PDB file of N, CA and C in Angstrom:
ATOM      1  N   MET A   1       0.822  -1.196   0.000  1.00  0.00           N
ATOM      2  CA  MET A   1       0.000   0.000   0.000  1.00  0.00           C
ATOM      3  C   MET A   1       0.866   1.260   0.000  1.00  0.00           C
ATOM      4  N   ARG A   2       1.922   1.231   0.817  1.00  0.00           N
ATOM      5  CA  ARG A   2       2.798   2.396   0.908  1.00  0.00           C
ATOM      6  C   ARG A   2       3.518   2.647  -0.417  1.00  0.00           C
ATOM      7  N   ARG A   3       3.925   1.559  -1.093  1.00  0.00           N
ATOM      8  CA  ARG A   3       4.606   1.709  -2.387  1.00  0.00           C
ATOM      9  C   ARG A   3       3.682   2.316  -3.431  1.00  0.00           C
ATOM     10  N   ILE A   4       2.432   1.885  -3.419  1.00  0.00           N
ATOM     11  CA  ILE A   4       1.461   2.416  -4.385  1.00  0.00           C
ATOM     12  C   ILE A   4       1.245   3.904  -4.140  1.00  0.00           C
ATOM     13  N   ARG A   5       1.090   4.268  -2.872  1.00  0.00           N
ATOM     14  CA  ARG A   5       0.885   5.673  -2.530  1.00  0.00           C
ATOM     15  C   ARG A   5       2.109   6.507  -2.920  1.00  0.00           C
ATOM     16  N   ARG A   6       3.302   5.979  -2.638  1.00  0.00           N
ATOM     17  CA  ARG A   6       4.538   6.684  -2.983  1.00  0.00           C
ATOM     18  C   ARG A   6       4.633   6.880  -4.492  1.00  0.00           C
ATOM     19  N   ALA A   7       4.300   5.842  -5.255  1.00  0.00           N
ATOM     20  CA  ALA A   7       4.354   5.938  -6.716  1.00  0.00           C
ATOM     21  C   ALA A   7       3.323   6.936  -7.237  1.00  0.00           C
ATOM     22  N   THR A   8       2.149   6.958  -6.634  1.00  0.00           N
ATOM     23  CA  THR A   8       1.102   7.893  -7.046  1.00  0.00           C
ATOM     24  C   THR A   8       1.524   9.329  -6.779  1.00  0.00           C
ATOM     25  N   VAL A   9       2.069   9.567  -5.602  1.00  0.00           N
ATOM     26  CA  VAL A   9       2.528  10.915  -5.258  1.00  0.00           C
ATOM     27  C   VAL A   9       3.661  11.340  -6.183  1.00  0.00           C
ATOM     28  N   ARG A  10       4.584  10.434  -6.454  1.00  0.00           N
ATOM     29  CA  ARG A  10       5.702  10.743  -7.355  1.00  0.00           C
ATOM     30  C   ARG A  10       5.178  11.096  -8.747  1.00  0.00           C
ATOM     31  N   ALA A  11       4.200  10.336  -9.246  1.00  0.00           N
ATOM     32  CA  ALA A  11       3.636  10.613 -10.572  1.00  0.00           C
ATOM     33  C   ALA A  11       2.939  11.973 -10.606  1.00  0.00           C
ATOM     34  N   LEU A  12       2.202  12.294  -9.552  1.00  0.00           N
ATOM     35  CA  LEU A  12       1.531  13.599  -9.488  1.00  0.00           C
ATOM     36  C   LEU A  12       2.542  14.740  -9.440  1.00  0.00           C
ATOM     37  N   ARG A  13       3.601  14.556  -8.647  1.00  0.00           N
ATOM     38  CA  ARG A  13       4.643  15.591  -8.569  1.00  0.00           C
ATOM     39  C   ARG A  13       5.279  15.811  -9.931  1.00  0.00           C
ATOM     40  N   THR A  14       5.600  14.725 -10.609  1.00  0.00           N
ATOM     41  CA  THR A  14       6.236  14.826 -11.920  1.00  0.00           C
ATOM     42  C   THR A  14       5.310  15.503 -12.920  1.00  0.00           C
ATOM     43  N   ARG A  15       4.056  15.122 -12.906  1.00  0.00           N
ATOM     44  CA  ARG A  15       3.084  15.684 -13.847  1.00  0.00           C
ATOM     45  C   ARG A  15       2.931  17.192 -13.671  1.00  0.00           C
ATOM     46  N   HIS A  16       2.995  17.662 -12.427  1.00  0.00           N
ATOM     47  CA  HIS A  16       2.791  19.085 -12.146  1.00  0.00           C
ATOM     48  C   HIS A  16       4.095  19.860 -11.981  1.00  0.00           C
ATOM     49  N   GLY A  17       5.230  19.199 -12.204  1.00  0.00           N
ATOM     50  CA  GLY A  17       6.514  19.886 -12.156  1.00  0.00           C
ATOM     51  C   GLY A  17       6.984  20.251 -10.763  1.00  0.00           C
ATOM     52  N   ILE A  18       6.573  19.491  -9.761  1.00  0.00           N
ATOM     53  CA  ILE A  18       6.964  19.755  -8.376  1.00  0.00           C
ATOM     54  C   ILE A  18       8.167  18.888  -8.033  1.00  0.00           C
ATOM     55  N   VAL A  19       9.185  19.509  -7.469  1.00  0.00           N
ATOM     56  CA  VAL A  19      10.393  18.793  -7.083  1.00  0.00           C
ATOM     57  C   VAL A  19      10.308  18.466  -5.599  1.00  0.00           C
ATOM     58  N   GLY A  20      10.521  17.208  -5.255  1.00  0.00           N
ATOM     59  CA  GLY A  20      10.485  16.795  -3.859  1.00  0.00           C
ATOM     60  C   GLY A  20      11.704  17.270  -3.096  1.00  0.00           C
ATOM     61  N   SER A  21      11.566  17.409  -1.793  1.00  0.00           N
ATOM     62  CA  SER A  21      12.670  17.835  -0.944  1.00  0.00           C
ATOM     63  C   SER A  21      13.724  16.740  -0.884  1.00  0.00           C
ATOM     64  N   MET A  22      14.967  17.146  -0.921  1.00  0.00           N
ATOM     65  CA  MET A  22      16.059  16.182  -0.887  1.00  0.00           C
ATOM     66  C   MET A  22      16.836  16.246   0.424  1.00  0.00           C
ATOM     67  N   SER A  23      16.334  16.980   1.403  1.00  0.00           N
ATOM     68  CA  SER A  23      17.058  17.106   2.665  1.00  0.00           C
ATOM     69  C   SER A  23      16.890  15.854   3.506  1.00  0.00           C
ATOM     70  N   ARG A  24      17.720  15.751   4.524  1.00  0.00           N
ATOM     71  CA  ARG A  24      17.644  14.600   5.415  1.00  0.00           C
ATOM     72  C   ARG A  24      16.436  14.692   6.331  1.00  0.00           C
ATOM     73  N   LYS A  25      16.042  13.568   6.866  1.00  0.00           N
ATOM     74  CA  LYS A  25      14.941  13.496   7.810  1.00  0.00           C
ATOM     75  C   LYS A  25      15.278  14.351   9.029  1.00  0.00           C
ATOM     76  N   GLY A  26      14.338  15.178   9.442  1.00  0.00           N
ATOM     77  CA  GLY A  26      14.541  16.020  10.610  1.00  0.00           C
ATOM     78  C   GLY A  26      15.157  17.369  10.300  1.00  0.00           C
ATOM     79  N   ASP A  27      15.506  17.621   9.034  1.00  0.00           N
ATOM     80  CA  ASP A  27      16.082  18.908   8.640  1.00  0.00           C
ATOM     81  C   ASP A  27      14.975  19.732   7.999  1.00  0.00           C
ATOM     82  N   GLY A  28      14.339  20.569   8.777  1.00  0.00           N
ATOM     83  CA  GLY A  28      13.159  21.277   8.296  1.00  0.00           C
ATOM     84  C   GLY A  28      13.402  22.677   7.785  1.00  0.00           C
ATOM     85  N   TRP A  29      14.648  23.085   7.575  1.00  0.00           N
ATOM     86  CA  TRP A  29      14.907  24.460   7.153  1.00  0.00           C
ATOM     87  C   TRP A  29      14.338  24.754   5.777  1.00  0.00           C
ATOM     88  N   ASP A  30      14.263  23.766   4.907  1.00  0.00           N
ATOM     89  CA  ASP A  30      13.694  24.018   3.590  1.00  0.00           C
ATOM     90  C   ASP A  30      12.172  24.054   3.644  1.00  0.00           C
ATOM     91  N   ASN A  31      11.603  23.655   4.766  1.00  0.00           N
ATOM     92  CA  ASN A  31      10.162  23.608   4.918  1.00  0.00           C
ATOM     93  C   ASN A  31       9.607  24.900   5.524  1.00  0.00           C
ATOM     94  N   VAL A  32      10.460  25.748   6.061  1.00  0.00           N
ATOM     95  CA  VAL A  32      10.025  26.959   6.753  1.00  0.00           C
ATOM     96  C   VAL A  32       9.195  27.879   5.858  1.00  0.00           C
ATOM     97  N   PRO A  33       9.611  28.200   4.637  1.00  0.00           N
ATOM     98  CA  PRO A  33       8.813  29.121   3.820  1.00  0.00           C
ATOM     99  C   PRO A  33       7.414  28.599   3.512  1.00  0.00           C
ATOM    100  N   ILE A  34       7.282  27.320   3.205  1.00  0.00           N
ATOM    101  CA  ILE A  34       5.958  26.796   2.864  1.00  0.00           C
ATOM    102  C   ILE A  34       5.065  26.698   4.094  1.00  0.00           C
ATOM    103  N   GLU A  35       5.652  26.385   5.254  1.00  0.00           N
ATOM    104  CA  GLU A  35       4.866  26.364   6.490  1.00  0.00           C
ATOM    105  C   GLU A  35       4.340  27.759   6.797  1.00  0.00           C
ATOM    106  N   SER A  36       5.160  28.769   6.574  1.00  0.00           N
ATOM    107  CA  SER A  36       4.741  30.148   6.793  1.00  0.00           C
ATOM    108  C   SER A  36       3.597  30.514   5.848  1.00  0.00           C
ATOM    109  N   LEU A  37       3.705  30.082   4.594  1.00  0.00           N
ATOM    110  CA  LEU A  37       2.650  30.339   3.624  1.00  0.00           C
ATOM    111  C   LEU A  37       1.339  29.687   4.058  1.00  0.00           C
ATOM    112  N   PHE A  38       1.396  28.413   4.484  1.00  0.00           N
ATOM    113  CA  PHE A  38       0.190  27.730   4.942  1.00  0.00           C
ATOM    114  C   PHE A  38      -0.413  28.425   6.153  1.00  0.00           C
ATOM    115  N   PHE A  39       0.429  28.842   7.095  1.00  0.00           N
ATOM    116  CA  PHE A  39      -0.068  29.520   8.290  1.00  0.00           C
ATOM    117  C   PHE A  39      -0.803  30.799   7.906  1.00  0.00           C
ATOM    118  N   ASP A  40      -0.183  31.613   7.041  1.00  0.00           N
ATOM    119  CA  ASP A  40      -0.820  32.863   6.622  1.00  0.00           C
ATOM    120  C   ASP A  40      -2.128  32.593   5.895  1.00  0.00           C
ATOM    121  N   TYR A  41      -2.151  31.587   5.035  1.00  0.00           N
ATOM    122  CA  TYR A  41      -3.363  31.258   4.282  1.00  0.00           C
ATOM    123  C   TYR A  41      -4.494  30.845   5.220  1.00  0.00           C
ATOM    124  N   ILE A  42      -4.180  29.973   6.172  1.00  0.00           N
ATOM    125  CA  ILE A  42      -5.195  29.508   7.118  1.00  0.00           C
ATOM    126  C   ILE A  42      -5.669  30.660   7.988  1.00  0.00           C
ATOM    127  N   GLU A  43      -4.739  31.482   8.464  1.00  0.00           N
ATOM    128  CA  GLU A  43      -5.088  32.611   9.325  1.00  0.00           C
ATOM    129  C   GLU A  43      -6.017  33.584   8.611  1.00  0.00           C
ATOM    130  N   VAL A  44      -5.699  33.930   7.372  1.00  0.00           N
ATOM    131  CA  VAL A  44      -6.523  34.867   6.608  1.00  0.00           C
ATOM    132  C   VAL A  44      -7.879  34.245   6.292  1.00  0.00           C
ATOM    133  N   SER A  45      -7.895  32.989   5.864  1.00  0.00           N
ATOM    134  CA  SER A  45      -9.156  32.324   5.528  1.00  0.00           C
ATOM    135  C   SER A  45     -10.056  32.199   6.741  1.00  0.00           C
ATOM    136  N   TYR A  46      -9.487  31.812   7.868  1.00  0.00           N
ATOM    137  CA  TYR A  46     -10.284  31.627   9.078  1.00  0.00           C
ATOM    138  C   TYR A  46     -10.859  32.956   9.543  1.00  0.00           C
ATOM    139  N   ASN A  47     -10.048  34.007   9.531  1.00  0.00           N
ATOM    140  CA  ASN A  47     -10.529  35.306   9.993  1.00  0.00           C
ATOM    141  C   ASN A  47     -11.565  35.894   9.050  1.00  0.00           C
ATOM    142  N   ARG A  48     -11.475  35.584   7.775  1.00  0.00           N
ATOM    143  CA  ARG A  48     -12.452  36.095   6.825  1.00  0.00           C
ATOM    144  C   ARG A  48     -13.805  35.412   7.019  1.00  0.00           C
ATOM    145  N   ILE A  49     -13.782  34.110   7.281  1.00  0.00           N
ATOM    146  CA  ILE A  49     -15.019  33.348   7.431  1.00  0.00           C
ATOM    147  C   ILE A  49     -15.593  33.520   8.830  1.00  0.00           C
ATOM    148  N   GLY A  50     -14.757  33.402   9.859  1.00  0.00           N
ATOM    149  CA  GLY A  50     -15.211  33.562  11.236  1.00  0.00           C
ATOM    150  C   GLY A  50     -16.069  32.403  11.702  1.00  0.00           C
ATOM    151  N   ARG A  51     -16.726  32.585  12.829  1.00  0.00           N
ATOM    152  CA  ARG A  51     -17.570  31.538  13.405  1.00  0.00           C
ATOM    153  C   ARG A  51     -19.046  31.906  13.318  1.00  0.00           C
ATOM    154  N   ARG A  52     -19.442  32.509  12.267  1.00  0.00           N
ATOM    155  CA  ARG A  52     -20.824  32.958  12.129  1.00  0.00           C
ATOM    156  C   ARG A  52     -21.831  31.819  12.199  1.00  0.00           C
ATOM    157  N   SER A  53     -21.517  30.723  11.549  1.00  0.00           N
ATOM    158  CA  SER A  53     -22.522  29.676  11.404  1.00  0.00           C
ATOM    159  C   SER A  53     -22.907  29.041  12.735  1.00  0.00           C
ATOM    160  N   ALA A  54     -21.962  28.847  13.646  1.00  0.00           N
ATOM    161  CA  ALA A  54     -22.264  28.184  14.913  1.00  0.00           C
ATOM    162  C   ALA A  54     -23.113  29.069  15.819  1.00  0.00           C
ATOM    163  N   LEU A  55     -22.847  30.374  15.824  1.00  0.00           N
ATOM    164  CA  LEU A  55     -23.555  31.284  16.723  1.00  0.00           C
ATOM    165  C   LEU A  55     -24.714  31.995  16.045  1.00  0.00           C
ATOM    166  N   ASP A  56     -24.786  31.869  14.742  1.00  0.00           N
ATOM    167  CA  ASP A  56     -25.808  32.547  13.954  1.00  0.00           C
ATOM    168  C   ASP A  56     -25.714  34.060  14.121  1.00  0.00           C
ATOM    169  N   CYS A  57     -24.480  34.570  14.251  1.00  0.00           N
ATOM    170  CA  CYS A  57     -24.216  36.001  14.405  1.00  0.00           C
ATOM    171  C   CYS A  57     -23.061  36.384  13.482  1.00  0.00           C
ATOM    172  N   PRO A  58     -22.959  37.654  13.125  1.00  0.00           N
ATOM    173  CA  PRO A  58     -21.814  38.068  12.306  1.00  0.00           C
ATOM    174  C   PRO A  58     -20.520  38.056  13.112  1.00  0.00           C
ATOM    175  N   SER A  59     -19.402  37.849  12.423  1.00  0.00           N
ATOM    176  CA  SER A  59     -18.114  37.875  13.109  1.00  0.00           C
ATOM    177  C   SER A  59     -17.746  39.318  13.443  1.00  0.00           C
ATOM    178  N   PRO A  60     -16.937  39.535  14.488  1.00  0.00           N
ATOM    179  CA  PRO A  60     -16.596  40.898  14.887  1.00  0.00           C
ATOM    180  C   PRO A  60     -15.706  41.621  13.881  1.00  0.00           C
ATOM    181  N   GLY A  61     -15.016  40.875  13.008  1.00  0.00           N
ATOM    182  CA  GLY A  61     -14.087  41.504  12.061  1.00  0.00           C
ATOM    183  C   GLY A  61     -14.740  41.874  10.834  1.00  0.00           C
TER     184      GLY A  61
END
């Protein structure tokens, strides 16, 4: 199962021109920029949507 998943991910990366990380396990310095991007994206998306649906009220922002 793991081999199939690995092959599928590799094929998708190749098809879309994405290069996999070549750093050693536990070396996350090359991951810092993308983690920052994800954090900003989630933060902006969450603040834009807010919790209106649960309380049935508009968000304060």
